[in-house]
Structures are given as structure tokens and as C-alpha cells.
Amino acid sequence: MNEFDTRIATDGTDPGDSSCSFRLRPAARAPRWSLLASLLFLVACAGSETDVETGDAADAPAVEAAEDLSRVGLANVARPRPGLLTSAQPSQAQIDELRSLGYETFISLRPAAEPGAGWEEAYLPEADFERIAISGPEDLTREHVEALDRALAEADGAKAVLYCASSNRVGALMALRALWLEGVAPDSALRVGRAAGLTSLEPAVRELLSSGG
């Protein structure tokens, strides 16, 4: 800064013209209402950022769980309710992975004689495994739906895996359970089944839903 700049900065006088002098005016004071509005805006912004951070933190466990399950490599995975995982048939290695993630109860809807099934009884502790044999549409009965409901209740809050070969039979029983035991409307019960893997058994399930069982 030169001498000229210094004089203007200190007393507002132009040293090059003794007949003309000026003084810098202070900035106009902002109205009080404007300052108040600015303060309220800043508070609102701060609140919005807090909400976003809270939401991210709340969503983190769900994202982490999804990443863990992608590592397991199960097919046709769905989560029809908290703590319950539905899927296609897991392998022994996949069951080990699921157990490391905290899944304790395993329920198969495949007959033991079906190819690829029947090994779980020897592999898992008896208290952690149950088999409800569903071979086809003729096994979509209230008795089997009630057996599934008991198995889920006996899990007593523990994380459970419900599966069959593709999750088609899983979806069928979940739809019928929703209608018969939970009082869900037929259309909503069908959506429950589809979300859990219902495919080729849908015509049989539709008939049972429309007739009320």
C-alpha cells in the first residue's frame, strides 16, 4: 500500500487535491428484520444437515447387511419381514456364511428325497433346522402353513432363513400365511407371496386365496 492508499484508508482525504476532501461513508446498517431473517435461514439449514446425517446413519445397517449378503451369493433373496431371509437353496458354505452373519434358524420347504436336499439334518444342530416338505400344489395346506408359522415363532426373534429350491414354494406359503393366519386381504397376500419368490405356483395360490382356503 502506497502513501495515497494509506491516507484514504485512514482519514478519507485525497492528498493530491487540497481543495477537495472526502470521507468514506460507513456501510448502511441492515434493518433488524433482515438480520433476523438471515439468522432463521441459517438455523433452518443447520437443521436440514442434521436430518440428512441422521438419515444416513439410520440407513447404514441396511446397506451393510445388503453388502454382506451379496458376499454370500444366495439366489432370489428377499426380506419379507425383519429378521427373516427368504431365498433359494443355500449350499453348506453359504449356510456357514449366514451363520457368521447371525442367522441361527434354517427352515427348508424341500422334501429330503429331493435332489440337492436332505443333507441339512446332519450338517446343522437339530435345534437350528426344520424341514416342512412341500412337493407341489397338493401340499399347500393350512396344516403346512401352520407348521411354518410355528417354526417362525419358535425362532423367538432369532434371525431365520426360509428356503426351497428357488423360493417359489416359500412365496406360496408366505402368501397363504398372510391370508389365513394374519388376516391380510387376498390381493395384498398375493403381493407378499410374489415378494418372497412366488412364481409357477401362483395359479394354485390365487385359487386358494379366492376361495379363502
C-alpha atoms as a PDB file:
ATOM      1  CA  MET A   1       0.000   0.000   0.000  1.00  0.00           C
ATOM      2  CA  ASN A   2       1.419   3.455  -1.021  1.00  0.00           C
ATOM      3  CA  GLU A   3       1.028   6.781   0.817  1.00  0.00           C
ATOM      4  CA  PHE A   4      -2.091   7.669  -1.152  1.00  0.00           C
ATOM      5  CA  ASP A   5      -3.775   4.433  -0.225  1.00  0.00           C
ATOM      6  CA  THR A   6      -2.764   4.905   3.374  1.00  0.00           C
ATOM      7  CA  ARG A   7      -4.279   8.421   3.597  1.00  0.00           C
ATOM      8  CA  ILE A   8      -7.577   7.299   2.117  1.00  0.00           C
ATOM      9  CA  ALA A   9      -7.698   4.280   4.333  1.00  0.00           C
ATOM     10  CA  THR A  10      -7.038   6.334   7.489  1.00  0.00           C
ATOM     11  CA  ASP A  11      -8.866   9.646   7.094  1.00  0.00           C
ATOM     12  CA  GLY A  12     -10.549   9.591   3.674  1.00  0.00           C
ATOM     13  CA  THR A  13      -8.537  12.664   2.390  1.00  0.00           C
ATOM     14  CA  ASP A  14      -7.200  12.781  -1.158  1.00  0.00           C
ATOM     15  CA  PRO A  15      -3.577  14.140  -0.834  1.00  0.00           C
ATOM     16  CA  GLY A  16      -3.496  15.153  -4.498  1.00  0.00           C
ATOM     17  CA  ASP A  17      -6.217  17.829  -4.176  1.00  0.00           C
ATOM     18  CA  SER A  18      -6.133  20.064  -1.115  1.00  0.00           C
ATOM     19  CA  SER A  19      -9.314  21.864  -2.207  1.00  0.00           C
ATOM     20  CA  CYS A  20     -11.328  18.698  -2.307  1.00  0.00           C
ATOM     21  CA  SER A  21     -11.545  16.272   0.532  1.00  0.00           C
ATOM     22  CA  PHE A  22     -13.945  13.473   1.294  1.00  0.00           C
ATOM     23  CA  ARG A  23     -14.574  10.882   3.960  1.00  0.00           C
ATOM     24  CA  LEU A  24     -15.646   7.340   3.285  1.00  0.00           C
ATOM     25  CA  ARG A  25     -19.149   6.637   4.499  1.00  0.00           C
ATOM     26  CA  PRO A  26     -19.693   3.649   6.691  1.00  0.00           C
ATOM     27  CA  ALA A  27     -21.831   0.941   5.168  1.00  0.00           C
ATOM     28  CA  ALA A  28     -25.544   1.343   5.709  1.00  0.00           C
ATOM     29  CA  ARG A  29     -26.784  -0.649   8.680  1.00  0.00           C
ATOM     30  CA  ALA A  30     -29.029  -3.521   7.656  1.00  0.00           C
ATOM     31  CA  PRO A  31     -32.576  -3.445   9.081  1.00  0.00           C
ATOM     32  CA  ARG A  32     -33.081  -5.623  12.124  1.00  0.00           C
ATOM     33  CA  TRP A  33     -35.732  -7.731  10.394  1.00  0.00           C
ATOM     34  CA  SER A  34     -33.239  -8.625   7.643  1.00  0.00           C
ATOM     35  CA  LEU A  35     -30.698  -9.799  10.193  1.00  0.00           C
ATOM     36  CA  LEU A  36     -33.357 -11.866  11.941  1.00  0.00           C
ATOM     37  CA  ALA A  37     -34.434 -13.465   8.667  1.00  0.00           C
ATOM     38  CA  SER A  38     -30.827 -14.373   7.863  1.00  0.00           C
ATOM     39  CA  LEU A  39     -30.387 -15.942  11.288  1.00  0.00           C
ATOM     40  CA  LEU A  40     -33.533 -18.029  10.907  1.00  0.00           C
ATOM     41  CA  PHE A  41     -32.358 -19.200   7.475  1.00  0.00           C
ATOM     42  CA  LEU A  42     -29.016 -20.354   8.876  1.00  0.00           C
ATOM     43  CA  VAL A  43     -30.734 -22.243  11.697  1.00  0.00           C
ATOM     44  CA  ALA A  44     -33.034 -23.977   9.198  1.00  0.00           C
ATOM     45  CA  CYS A  45     -30.082 -25.010   7.059  1.00  0.00           C
ATOM     46  CA  ALA A  46     -28.257 -26.391  10.073  1.00  0.00           C
ATOM     47  CA  GLY A  47     -31.330 -28.413  10.989  1.00  0.00           C
ATOM     48  CA  SER A  48     -31.613 -29.843   7.481  1.00  0.00           C
ATOM     49  CA  GLU A  49     -27.998 -31.006   7.509  1.00  0.00           C
ATOM     50  CA  THR A  50     -28.558 -32.730  10.850  1.00  0.00           C
ATOM     51  CA  ASP A  51     -31.555 -34.594   9.468  1.00  0.00           C
ATOM     52  CA  VAL A  52     -29.601 -35.817   6.450  1.00  0.00           C
ATOM     53  CA  GLU A  53     -26.761 -37.061   8.611  1.00  0.00           C
ATOM     54  CA  THR A  54     -29.208 -38.820  10.923  1.00  0.00           C
ATOM     55  CA  GLY A  55     -30.890 -40.464   7.953  1.00  0.00           C
ATOM     56  CA  ASP A  56     -27.587 -41.677   6.563  1.00  0.00           C
ATOM     57  CA  ALA A  57     -26.645 -43.157   9.916  1.00  0.00           C
ATOM     58  CA  ALA A  58     -30.025 -44.864  10.235  1.00  0.00           C
ATOM     59  CA  ASP A  59     -29.705 -46.389   6.759  1.00  0.00           C
ATOM     60  CA  ALA A  60     -26.154 -47.629   7.277  1.00  0.00           C
ATOM     61  CA  PRO A  61     -27.033 -51.018   8.874  1.00  0.00           C
ATOM     62  CA  ALA A  62     -29.372 -51.889   5.992  1.00  0.00           C
ATOM     63  CA  VAL A  63     -26.692 -51.079   3.424  1.00  0.00           C
ATOM     64  CA  GLU A  64     -24.123 -53.068   5.355  1.00  0.00           C
ATOM     65  CA  ALA A  65     -26.454 -56.073   5.567  1.00  0.00           C
ATOM     66  CA  ALA A  66     -27.072 -55.966   1.816  1.00  0.00           C
ATOM     67  CA  GLU A  67     -23.326 -55.929   1.141  1.00  0.00           C
ATOM     68  CA  ASP A  68     -22.782 -58.873   3.469  1.00  0.00           C
ATOM     69  CA  LEU A  69     -25.471 -60.933   1.710  1.00  0.00           C
ATOM     70  CA  SER A  70     -24.058 -60.118  -1.715  1.00  0.00           C
ATOM     71  CA  ARG A  71     -20.864 -61.713  -0.475  1.00  0.00           C
ATOM     72  CA  VAL A  72     -22.806 -64.865   0.437  1.00  0.00           C
ATOM     73  CA  GLY A  73     -24.089 -65.182  -3.147  1.00  0.00           C
ATOM     74  CA  LEU A  74     -27.574 -66.525  -2.426  1.00  0.00           C
ATOM     75  CA  ALA A  75     -30.126 -66.544  -5.247  1.00  0.00           C
ATOM     76  CA  ASN A  76     -33.607 -64.973  -5.058  1.00  0.00           C
ATOM     77  CA  VAL A  77     -33.011 -63.237  -1.745  1.00  0.00           C
ATOM     78  CA  ALA A  78     -35.840 -61.275  -0.112  1.00  0.00           C
ATOM     79  CA  ARG A  79     -36.626 -59.901   3.348  1.00  0.00           C
ATOM     80  CA  PRO A  80     -40.407 -60.162   3.850  1.00  0.00           C
ATOM     81  CA  ARG A  81     -40.071 -59.025   7.459  1.00  0.00           C
ATOM     82  CA  PRO A  82     -37.284 -58.004   9.857  1.00  0.00           C
ATOM     83  CA  GLY A  83     -35.083 -60.923  10.839  1.00  0.00           C
ATOM     84  CA  LEU A  84     -36.430 -63.252   8.123  1.00  0.00           C
ATOM     85  CA  LEU A  85     -34.499 -64.001   4.954  1.00  0.00           C
ATOM     86  CA  THR A  86     -36.069 -65.993   2.098  1.00  0.00           C
ATOM     87  CA  SER A  87     -34.025 -67.495  -0.700  1.00  0.00           C
ATOM     88  CA  ALA A  88     -33.239 -70.376  -2.997  1.00  0.00           C
ATOM     89  CA  GLN A  89     -31.373 -73.417  -1.682  1.00  0.00           C
ATOM     90  CA  PRO A  90     -28.139 -72.457   0.125  1.00  0.00           C
ATOM     91  CA  SER A  91     -25.003 -74.558  -0.006  1.00  0.00           C
ATOM     92  CA  GLN A  92     -23.074 -75.656   3.074  1.00  0.00           C
ATOM     93  CA  ALA A  93     -20.583 -72.839   2.547  1.00  0.00           C
ATOM     94  CA  GLN A  94     -23.427 -70.320   2.238  1.00  0.00           C
ATOM     95  CA  ILE A  95     -25.031 -71.588   5.425  1.00  0.00           C
ATOM     96  CA  ASP A  96     -21.701 -71.107   7.173  1.00  0.00           C
ATOM     97  CA  GLU A  97     -21.573 -67.532   5.872  1.00  0.00           C
ATOM     98  CA  LEU A  98     -25.147 -66.887   7.017  1.00  0.00           C
ATOM     99  CA  ARG A  99     -24.402 -68.244  10.467  1.00  0.00           C
ATOM    100  CA  SER A 100     -21.413 -65.904  10.699  1.00  0.00           C
ATOM    101  CA  LEU A 101     -23.864 -63.065   9.988  1.00  0.00           C
ATOM    102  CA  GLY A 102     -26.070 -64.099  12.890  1.00  0.00           C
ATOM    103  CA  TYR A 103     -28.676 -66.311  11.189  1.00  0.00           C
ATOM    104  CA  GLU A 104     -29.490 -69.123  13.594  1.00  0.00           C
ATOM    105  CA  THR A 105     -32.651 -70.843  12.322  1.00  0.00           C
ATOM    106  CA  PHE A 106     -32.932 -72.581   8.941  1.00  0.00           C
ATOM    107  CA  ILE A 107     -36.247 -73.849   7.529  1.00  0.00           C
ATOM    108  CA  SER A 108     -36.369 -75.875   4.319  1.00  0.00           C
ATOM    109  CA  LEU A 109     -39.579 -76.469   2.348  1.00  0.00           C
ATOM    110  CA  ARG A 110     -37.995 -79.231   0.258  1.00  0.00           C
ATOM    111  CA  PRO A 111     -38.620 -82.963   0.799  1.00  0.00           C
ATOM    112  CA  ALA A 112     -35.449 -84.685   1.996  1.00  0.00           C
ATOM    113  CA  ALA A 113     -35.508 -87.019  -1.041  1.00  0.00           C
ATOM    114  CA  GLU A 114     -35.460 -84.115  -3.495  1.00  0.00           C
ATOM    115  CA  PRO A 115     -32.132 -83.845  -5.380  1.00  0.00           C
ATOM    116  CA  GLY A 116     -29.845 -81.349  -3.625  1.00  0.00           C
ATOM    117  CA  ALA A 117     -31.731 -81.585  -0.314  1.00  0.00           C
ATOM    118  CA  GLY A 118     -31.600 -83.906   2.667  1.00  0.00           C
ATOM    119  CA  TRP A 119     -28.101 -83.079   3.968  1.00  0.00           C
ATOM    120  CA  GLU A 120     -29.065 -80.318   6.393  1.00  0.00           C
ATOM    121  CA  GLU A 121     -30.171 -82.621   9.230  1.00  0.00           C
ATOM    122  CA  ALA A 122     -26.643 -83.996   9.518  1.00  0.00           C
ATOM    123  CA  TYR A 123     -24.967 -80.636   8.973  1.00  0.00           C
ATOM    124  CA  LEU A 124     -26.915 -78.346  11.315  1.00  0.00           C
ATOM    125  CA  PRO A 125     -27.767 -78.726  15.007  1.00  0.00           C
ATOM    126  CA  GLU A 126     -31.244 -80.206  15.432  1.00  0.00           C
ATOM    127  CA  ALA A 127     -32.489 -77.120  17.259  1.00  0.00           C
ATOM    128  CA  ASP A 128     -31.462 -74.871  14.357  1.00  0.00           C
ATOM    129  CA  PHE A 129     -33.142 -76.717  11.485  1.00  0.00           C
ATOM    130  CA  GLU A 130     -36.657 -77.710  10.469  1.00  0.00           C
ATOM    131  CA  ARG A 131     -37.991 -79.304   7.317  1.00  0.00           C
ATOM    132  CA  ILE A 132     -41.566 -78.814   6.064  1.00  0.00           C
ATOM    133  CA  ALA A 133     -41.877 -80.916   2.929  1.00  0.00           C
ATOM    134  CA  ILE A 134     -43.769 -79.183   0.107  1.00  0.00           C
ATOM    135  CA  SER A 135     -43.703 -81.195  -3.120  1.00  0.00           C
ATOM    136  CA  GLY A 136     -46.274 -79.270  -5.147  1.00  0.00           C
ATOM    137  CA  PRO A 137     -49.711 -77.594  -5.130  1.00  0.00           C
ATOM    138  CA  GLU A 138     -51.273 -80.505  -3.239  1.00  0.00           C
ATOM    139  CA  ASP A 139     -49.121 -79.615  -0.210  1.00  0.00           C
ATOM    140  CA  LEU A 140     -50.308 -76.025   0.008  1.00  0.00           C
ATOM    141  CA  THR A 141     -52.473 -76.798   3.017  1.00  0.00           C
ATOM    142  CA  ARG A 142     -53.438 -74.980   6.181  1.00  0.00           C
ATOM    143  CA  GLU A 143     -51.587 -77.678   8.138  1.00  0.00           C
ATOM    144  CA  HIS A 144     -48.297 -76.834   6.432  1.00  0.00           C
ATOM    145  CA  VAL A 145     -48.880 -73.094   6.738  1.00  0.00           C
ATOM    146  CA  GLU A 146     -49.480 -73.501  10.468  1.00  0.00           C
ATOM    147  CA  ALA A 147     -46.321 -75.628  10.734  1.00  0.00           C
ATOM    148  CA  LEU A 148     -44.374 -72.786   9.109  1.00  0.00           C
ATOM    149  CA  ASP A 149     -45.939 -70.263  11.463  1.00  0.00           C
ATOM    150  CA  ARG A 150     -44.896 -72.376  14.478  1.00  0.00           C
ATOM    151  CA  ALA A 151     -41.348 -72.725  13.150  1.00  0.00           C
ATOM    152  CA  LEU A 152     -41.056 -68.959  12.749  1.00  0.00           C
ATOM    153  CA  ALA A 153     -42.495 -68.412  16.231  1.00  0.00           C
ATOM    154  CA  GLU A 154     -40.038 -70.906  17.720  1.00  0.00           C
ATOM    155  CA  ALA A 155     -37.185 -68.875  16.271  1.00  0.00           C
ATOM    156  CA  ASP A 156     -38.175 -66.442  19.034  1.00  0.00           C
ATOM    157  CA  GLY A 157     -36.719 -63.353  17.431  1.00  0.00           C
ATOM    158  CA  ALA A 158     -33.575 -65.052  16.141  1.00  0.00           C
ATOM    159  CA  LYS A 159     -32.627 -64.351  12.524  1.00  0.00           C
ATOM    160  CA  ALA A 160     -34.059 -67.092  10.296  1.00  0.00           C
ATOM    161  CA  VAL A 161     -33.618 -68.310   6.728  1.00  0.00           C
ATOM    162  CA  LEU A 162     -36.617 -69.831   4.906  1.00  0.00           C
ATOM    163  CA  TYR A 163     -35.848 -71.500   1.595  1.00  0.00           C
ATOM    164  CA  CYS A 164     -36.698 -74.086  -1.051  1.00  0.00           C
ATOM    165  CA  ALA A 165     -35.085 -74.843  -4.423  1.00  0.00           C
ATOM    166  CA  SER A 166     -35.920 -71.453  -5.960  1.00  0.00           C
ATOM    167  CA  SER A 167     -38.049 -69.667  -3.303  1.00  0.00           C
ATOM    168  CA  ASN A 168     -41.248 -70.409  -5.287  1.00  0.00           C
ATOM    169  CA  ARG A 169     -42.693 -72.621  -2.536  1.00  0.00           C
ATOM    170  CA  VAL A 170     -41.552 -70.095   0.052  1.00  0.00           C
ATOM    171  CA  GLY A 171     -43.614 -67.399  -1.667  1.00  0.00           C
ATOM    172  CA  ALA A 172     -46.635 -69.698  -1.852  1.00  0.00           C
ATOM    173  CA  LEU A 173     -46.652 -70.451   1.882  1.00  0.00           C
ATOM    174  CA  MET A 174     -45.945 -66.837   2.821  1.00  0.00           C
ATOM    175  CA  ALA A 175     -48.940 -65.681   0.754  1.00  0.00           C
ATOM    176  CA  LEU A 176     -51.260 -68.249   2.341  1.00  0.00           C
ATOM    177  CA  ARG A 177     -49.924 -67.466   5.811  1.00  0.00           C
ATOM    178  CA  ALA A 178     -50.662 -63.792   5.229  1.00  0.00           C
ATOM    179  CA  LEU A 179     -54.287 -64.585   4.306  1.00  0.00           C
ATOM    180  CA  TRP A 180     -55.135 -67.449   6.651  1.00  0.00           C
ATOM    181  CA  LEU A 181     -53.221 -66.507   9.776  1.00  0.00           C
ATOM    182  CA  GLU A 182     -52.646 -62.759   9.553  1.00  0.00           C
ATOM    183  CA  GLY A 183     -55.942 -61.659   8.028  1.00  0.00           C
ATOM    184  CA  VAL A 184     -54.360 -59.886   5.057  1.00  0.00           C
ATOM    185  CA  ALA A 185     -56.621 -59.200   2.060  1.00  0.00           C
ATOM    186  CA  PRO A 186     -56.158 -61.625  -0.889  1.00  0.00           C
ATOM    187  CA  ASP A 187     -54.555 -59.058  -3.233  1.00  0.00           C
ATOM    188  CA  SER A 188     -52.114 -57.967  -0.533  1.00  0.00           C
ATOM    189  CA  ALA A 189     -51.380 -61.584   0.392  1.00  0.00           C
ATOM    190  CA  LEU A 190     -50.517 -62.303  -3.241  1.00  0.00           C
ATOM    191  CA  ARG A 191     -48.077 -59.384  -3.225  1.00  0.00           C
ATOM    192  CA  VAL A 192     -46.488 -60.844  -0.086  1.00  0.00           C
ATOM    193  CA  GLY A 193     -46.009 -64.127  -1.917  1.00  0.00           C
ATOM    194  CA  ARG A 194     -44.530 -62.533  -5.015  1.00  0.00           C
ATOM    195  CA  ALA A 195     -42.098 -60.526  -2.921  1.00  0.00           C
ATOM    196  CA  ALA A 196     -40.936 -63.763  -1.284  1.00  0.00           C
ATOM    197  CA  GLY A 197     -40.355 -65.588  -4.587  1.00  0.00           C
ATOM    198  CA  LEU A 198     -43.759 -66.910  -5.767  1.00  0.00           C
ATOM    199  CA  THR A 199     -43.691 -67.804  -9.489  1.00  0.00           C
ATOM    200  CA  SER A 200     -45.068 -71.020 -11.038  1.00  0.00           C
ATOM    201  CA  LEU A 201     -47.271 -71.839  -8.035  1.00  0.00           C
ATOM    202  CA  GLU A 202     -49.152 -68.542  -8.379  1.00  0.00           C
ATOM    203  CA  PRO A 203     -52.228 -70.045 -10.150  1.00  0.00           C
ATOM    204  CA  ALA A 204     -52.713 -72.550  -7.307  1.00  0.00           C
ATOM    205  CA  VAL A 205     -52.162 -69.847  -4.711  1.00  0.00           C
ATOM    206  CA  ARG A 206     -54.621 -67.499  -6.457  1.00  0.00           C
ATOM    207  CA  GLU A 207     -57.302 -70.204  -6.337  1.00  0.00           C
ATOM    208  CA  LEU A 208     -56.750 -70.774  -2.615  1.00  0.00           C
ATOM    209  CA  LEU A 209     -56.740 -67.048  -1.916  1.00  0.00           C
ATOM    210  CA  SER A 210     -60.001 -66.501  -3.806  1.00  0.00           C
ATOM    211  CA  SER A 211     -61.724 -69.439  -2.103  1.00  0.00           C
ATOM    212  CA  GLY A 212     -60.465 -68.496   1.344  1.00  0.00           C
ATOM    213  CA  GLY A 213     -58.793 -71.879   1.759  1.00  0.00           C
END
